[in-house]
C-alpha atoms as a PDB file:
ATOM      1  CA  UNK A   1     201.633 -63.336 -45.536  1.00  0.00           C
ATOM      2  CA  UNK A   2     203.035 -66.741 -45.369  1.00  0.00           C
ATOM      3  CA  UNK A   3     206.281 -67.579 -47.230  1.00  0.00           C
ATOM      4  CA  UNK A   4     206.893 -70.766 -49.132  1.00  0.00           C
ATOM      5  CA  UNK A   5     210.284 -71.642 -50.726  1.00  0.00           C
ATOM      6  CA  UNK A   6     209.875 -74.482 -53.607  1.00  0.00           C
ATOM      7  CA  UNK A   7     213.309 -76.237 -54.239  1.00  0.00           C
ATOM      8  CA  UNK A   8     213.286 -77.212 -58.118  1.00  0.00           C
ATOM      9  CA  UNK A   9     215.602 -78.998 -60.005  1.00  0.00           C
ATOM     10  CA  UNK A  10     215.783 -76.662 -63.352  1.00  0.00           C
ATOM     11  CA  UNK A  11     214.670 -73.619 -65.018  1.00  0.00           C
ATOM     12  CA  UNK A  12     211.360 -75.449 -66.489  1.00  0.00           C
ATOM     13  CA  UNK A  13     210.188 -76.186 -62.880  1.00  0.00           C
ATOM     14  CA  UNK A  14     211.053 -72.558 -61.746  1.00  0.00           C
ATOM     15  CA  UNK A  15     209.317 -71.149 -64.562  1.00  0.00           C
ATOM     16  CA  UNK A  16     206.002 -73.406 -63.588  1.00  0.00           C
ATOM     17  CA  UNK A  17     206.400 -72.355 -60.009  1.00  0.00           C
ATOM     18  CA  UNK A  18     206.467 -68.570 -61.021  1.00  0.00           C
ATOM     19  CA  UNK A  19     203.547 -68.728 -63.642  1.00  0.00           C
ATOM     20  CA  UNK A  20     201.299 -71.140 -62.305  1.00  0.00           C
ATOM     21  CA  UNK A  21     201.552 -71.894 -58.593  1.00  0.00           C
ATOM     22  CA  UNK A  22     202.713 -68.304 -57.364  1.00  0.00           C
ATOM     23  CA  UNK A  23     199.876 -66.453 -58.907  1.00  0.00           C
ATOM     24  CA  UNK A  24     197.090 -68.963 -57.398  1.00  0.00           C
ATOM     25  CA  UNK A  25     198.446 -69.005 -53.949  1.00  0.00           C
ATOM     26  CA  UNK A  26     199.266 -65.407 -53.947  1.00  0.00           C
ATOM     27  CA  UNK A  27     195.442 -65.122 -53.612  1.00  0.00           C
ATOM     28  CA  UNK A  28     195.753 -66.644 -50.345  1.00  0.00           C
ATOM     29  CA  UNK A  29     198.350 -64.640 -48.954  1.00  0.00           C
ATOM     30  CA  UNK A  30     200.988 -67.220 -49.793  1.00  0.00           C
ATOM     31  CA  UNK A  31     204.266 -65.830 -51.008  1.00  0.00           C
ATOM     32  CA  UNK A  32     206.119 -68.372 -53.340  1.00  0.00           C
ATOM     33  CA  UNK A  33     209.625 -68.337 -54.335  1.00  0.00           C
ATOM     34  CA  UNK A  34     211.330 -71.188 -56.307  1.00  0.00           C
ATOM     35  CA  UNK A  35     214.769 -72.164 -55.745  1.00  0.00           C
ATOM     36  CA  UNK A  36     216.839 -73.832 -58.052  1.00  0.00           C
ATOM     37  CA  UNK A  37     219.349 -76.294 -56.919  1.00  0.00           C
ATOM     38  CA  UNK A  38     222.822 -75.666 -57.372  1.00  0.00           C
ATOM     39  CA  UNK A  39     224.452 -78.561 -58.768  1.00  0.00           C
ATOM     40  CA  UNK A  40     227.179 -77.173 -61.043  1.00  0.00           C
ATOM     41  CA  UNK A  41     229.248 -74.028 -61.346  1.00  0.00           C
ATOM     42  CA  UNK A  42     226.632 -72.912 -64.010  1.00  0.00           C
ATOM     43  CA  UNK A  43     223.831 -73.433 -61.459  1.00  0.00           C
ATOM     44  CA  UNK A  44     221.847 -74.322 -64.376  1.00  0.00           C
ATOM     45  CA  UNK A  45     220.039 -76.971 -62.126  1.00  0.00           C
ATOM     46  CA  UNK A  46     219.322 -80.525 -62.590  1.00  0.00           C
ATOM     47  CA  UNK A  47     219.378 -82.922 -59.722  1.00  0.00           C
ATOM     48  CA  UNK A  48     222.040 -85.590 -59.996  1.00  0.00           C
ATOM     49  CA  UNK A  49     221.983 -86.628 -56.598  1.00  0.00           C
ATOM     50  CA  UNK A  50     219.994 -86.613 -53.290  1.00  0.00           C
ATOM     51  CA  UNK A  51     223.103 -84.617 -51.694  1.00  0.00           C
ATOM     52  CA  UNK A  52     222.058 -81.729 -53.964  1.00  0.00           C
ATOM     53  CA  UNK A  53     218.444 -81.557 -52.581  1.00  0.00           C
ATOM     54  CA  UNK A  54     219.545 -82.046 -48.940  1.00  0.00           C
ATOM     55  CA  UNK A  55     222.098 -79.196 -49.024  1.00  0.00           C
ATOM     56  CA  UNK A  56     219.742 -76.862 -50.514  1.00  0.00           C
ATOM     57  CA  UNK A  57     217.001 -77.651 -48.186  1.00  0.00           C
ATOM     58  CA  UNK A  58     219.439 -77.482 -45.298  1.00  0.00           C
ATOM     59  CA  UNK A  59     220.703 -74.288 -46.149  1.00  0.00           C
ATOM     60  CA  UNK A  60     217.009 -72.678 -46.422  1.00  0.00           C
ATOM     61  CA  UNK A  61     216.002 -74.373 -43.070  1.00  0.00           C
ATOM     62  CA  UNK A  62     219.119 -73.073 -41.150  1.00  0.00           C
ATOM     63  CA  UNK A  63     216.872 -69.809 -40.465  1.00  0.00           C
ATOM     64  CA  UNK A  64     215.542 -69.786 -37.081  1.00  0.00           C
ATOM     65  CA  UNK A  65     212.371 -68.514 -37.969  1.00  0.00           C
ATOM     66  CA  UNK A  66     209.157 -70.277 -38.217  1.00  0.00           C
ATOM     67  CA  UNK A  67     206.979 -68.062 -40.718  1.00  0.00           C
ATOM     68  CA  UNK A  68     208.002 -70.158 -43.892  1.00  0.00           C
ATOM     69  CA  UNK A  69     207.739 -73.651 -45.196  1.00  0.00           C
ATOM     70  CA  UNK A  70     210.146 -75.429 -47.831  1.00  0.00           C
ATOM     71  CA  UNK A  71     208.943 -78.108 -49.959  1.00  0.00           C
ATOM     72  CA  UNK A  72     210.097 -79.648 -53.417  1.00  0.00           C
ATOM     73  CA  UNK A  73     208.847 -79.892 -56.871  1.00  0.00           C
ATOM     74  CA  UNK A  74     211.604 -82.912 -57.816  1.00  0.00           C
ATOM     75  CA  UNK A  75     211.529 -85.874 -60.013  1.00  0.00           C
ATOM     76  CA  UNK A  76     213.283 -88.663 -58.042  1.00  0.00           C
ATOM     77  CA  UNK A  77     213.363 -91.159 -61.370  1.00  0.00           C
ATOM     78  CA  UNK A  78     216.628 -92.506 -60.930  1.00  0.00           C
ATOM     79  CA  UNK A  79     218.324 -91.020 -57.946  1.00  0.00           C
ATOM     80  CA  UNK A  80     220.078 -93.887 -56.500  1.00  0.00           C
ATOM     81  CA  UNK A  81     221.131 -92.800 -53.056  1.00  0.00           C
ATOM     82  CA  UNK A  82     217.600 -91.501 -51.541  1.00  0.00           C
ATOM     83  CA  UNK A  83     217.615 -92.438 -47.767  1.00  0.00           C
ATOM     84  CA  UNK A  84     215.933 -95.390 -46.531  1.00  0.00           C
ATOM     85  CA  UNK A  85     216.323 -97.024 -49.811  1.00  0.00           C
ATOM     86  CA  UNK A  86     216.185-100.639 -48.080  1.00  0.00           C
ATOM     87  CA  UNK A  87     212.911 -99.857 -46.635  1.00  0.00           C
ATOM     88  CA  UNK A  88     211.081 -98.918 -49.991  1.00  0.00           C
ATOM     89  CA  UNK A  89     212.855-100.472 -52.764  1.00  0.00           C
ATOM     90  CA  UNK A  90     210.938-103.901 -52.257  1.00  0.00           C
ATOM     91  CA  UNK A  91     207.368-102.089 -52.354  1.00  0.00           C
ATOM     92  CA  UNK A  92     205.533-102.661 -55.197  1.00  0.00           C
ATOM     93  CA  UNK A  93     202.551-100.687 -54.960  1.00  0.00           C
ATOM     94  CA  UNK A  94     203.418 -96.985 -56.298  1.00  0.00           C
ATOM     95  CA  UNK A  95     201.483 -95.073 -53.698  1.00  0.00           C
ATOM     96  CA  UNK A  96     203.035 -96.929 -50.849  1.00  0.00           C
ATOM     97  CA  UNK A  97     206.613 -97.042 -52.291  1.00  0.00           C
ATOM     98  CA  UNK A  98     206.095 -92.920 -52.542  1.00  0.00           C
ATOM     99  CA  UNK A  99     204.848 -92.807 -49.164  1.00  0.00           C
ATOM    100  CA  UNK A 100     207.684 -94.685 -47.624  1.00  0.00           C
ATOM    101  CA  UNK A 101     210.215 -92.721 -49.544  1.00  0.00           C
ATOM    102  CA  UNK A 102     208.701 -89.383 -48.194  1.00  0.00           C
ATOM    103  CA  UNK A 103     208.726 -90.938 -44.498  1.00  0.00           C
ATOM    104  CA  UNK A 104     212.460 -91.629 -44.996  1.00  0.00           C
ATOM    105  CA  UNK A 105     213.394 -88.296 -46.440  1.00  0.00           C
ATOM    106  CA  UNK A 106     211.382 -86.277 -44.019  1.00  0.00           C
ATOM    107  CA  UNK A 107     212.980 -88.388 -40.947  1.00  0.00           C
ATOM    108  CA  UNK A 108     216.480 -87.458 -42.417  1.00  0.00           C
ATOM    109  CA  UNK A 109     215.738 -83.917 -42.811  1.00  0.00           C
ATOM    110  CA  UNK A 110     214.042 -83.679 -39.490  1.00  0.00           C
ATOM    111  CA  UNK A 111     212.401 -80.234 -39.552  1.00  0.00           C
ATOM    112  CA  UNK A 112     208.484 -79.546 -39.327  1.00  0.00           C
ATOM    113  CA  UNK A 113     208.840 -76.686 -42.021  1.00  0.00           C
ATOM    114  CA  UNK A 114     209.894 -79.201 -44.604  1.00  0.00           C
ATOM    115  CA  UNK A 115     207.581 -81.406 -46.541  1.00  0.00           C
ATOM    116  CA  UNK A 116     208.007 -83.248 -49.781  1.00  0.00           C
ATOM    117  CA  UNK A 117     205.984 -83.314 -53.338  1.00  0.00           C
ATOM    118  CA  UNK A 118     207.475 -85.346 -55.999  1.00  0.00           C
ATOM    119  CA  UNK A 119     206.662 -84.930 -59.587  1.00  0.00           C
ATOM    120  CA  UNK A 120     206.543 -88.518 -60.760  1.00  0.00           C
ATOM    121  CA  UNK A 121     203.195 -87.907 -62.752  1.00  0.00           C
ATOM    122  CA  UNK A 122     202.424 -85.530 -65.497  1.00  0.00           C
ATOM    123  CA  UNK A 123     202.837 -82.131 -65.009  1.00  0.00           C
ATOM    124  CA  UNK A 124     199.089 -81.053 -65.048  1.00  0.00           C
ATOM    125  CA  UNK A 125     198.064 -83.648 -62.448  1.00  0.00           C
ATOM    126  CA  UNK A 126     201.083 -82.921 -60.245  1.00  0.00           C
ATOM    127  CA  UNK A 127     200.513 -79.355 -60.308  1.00  0.00           C
ATOM    128  CA  UNK A 128     196.828 -79.818 -59.007  1.00  0.00           C
ATOM    129  CA  UNK A 129     197.821 -81.967 -56.365  1.00  0.00           C
ATOM    130  CA  UNK A 130     200.776 -79.689 -55.597  1.00  0.00           C
ATOM    131  CA  UNK A 131     198.643 -76.432 -55.433  1.00  0.00           C
ATOM    132  CA  UNK A 132     195.773 -78.137 -53.217  1.00  0.00           C
ATOM    133  CA  UNK A 133     198.371 -79.715 -50.591  1.00  0.00           C
ATOM    134  CA  UNK A 134     200.331 -76.144 -50.492  1.00  0.00           C
ATOM    135  CA  UNK A 135     197.114 -74.030 -50.087  1.00  0.00           C
ATOM    136  CA  UNK A 136     195.583 -76.383 -47.413  1.00  0.00           C
ATOM    137  CA  UNK A 137     199.069 -76.780 -45.479  1.00  0.00           C
ATOM    138  CA  UNK A 138     199.602 -73.008 -45.484  1.00  0.00           C
ATOM    139  CA  UNK A 139     196.257 -71.797 -44.400  1.00  0.00           C
ATOM    140  CA  UNK A 140     196.278 -73.398 -41.267  1.00  0.00           C
ATOM    141  CA  UNK A 141     197.541 -71.263 -38.379  1.00  0.00           C
ATOM    142  CA  UNK A 142     200.084 -73.562 -37.742  1.00  0.00           C
ATOM    143  CA  UNK A 143     202.621 -74.873 -40.368  1.00  0.00           C
ATOM    144  CA  UNK A 144     201.696 -78.515 -40.369  1.00  0.00           C
ATOM    145  CA  UNK A 145     202.943 -81.017 -42.664  1.00  0.00           C
ATOM    146  CA  UNK A 146     200.662 -82.749 -45.077  1.00  0.00           C
ATOM    147  CA  UNK A 147     201.690 -85.328 -47.443  1.00  0.00           C
ATOM    148  CA  UNK A 148     199.924 -85.722 -50.457  1.00  0.00           C
ATOM    149  CA  UNK A 149     199.416 -89.143 -52.184  1.00  0.00           C
END
């Protein structure tokens, strides 16, 4: 069985991962655990800065094991300090802008067990992209990164 940690920004996203994504991926022997970002003392979630995401992902990746992957289900709308902003903020084509944001964040995190998923679009469309990407990524013999458009 392969393990997947999905860093989410709140309880709504966590419930979506538990009720929709997890049951589907379990059919492929992929065990999914949502991780709500700790952004306040109440630990109720909600991403207020990129540092919260980086800290949560880094904490999960500190394990020396290679039997898991960490991904995200995050809306980066209005997050000003995402790495490489000077590289992507002038790009006007949305898909290209997202691709460059992913590359900048991926380069900053620097671990092959991590890949990024954004939730810029409506939940249903994003969920289909997410589930497909996760299943394809985790069914390979090696955990390989797969960026979805």
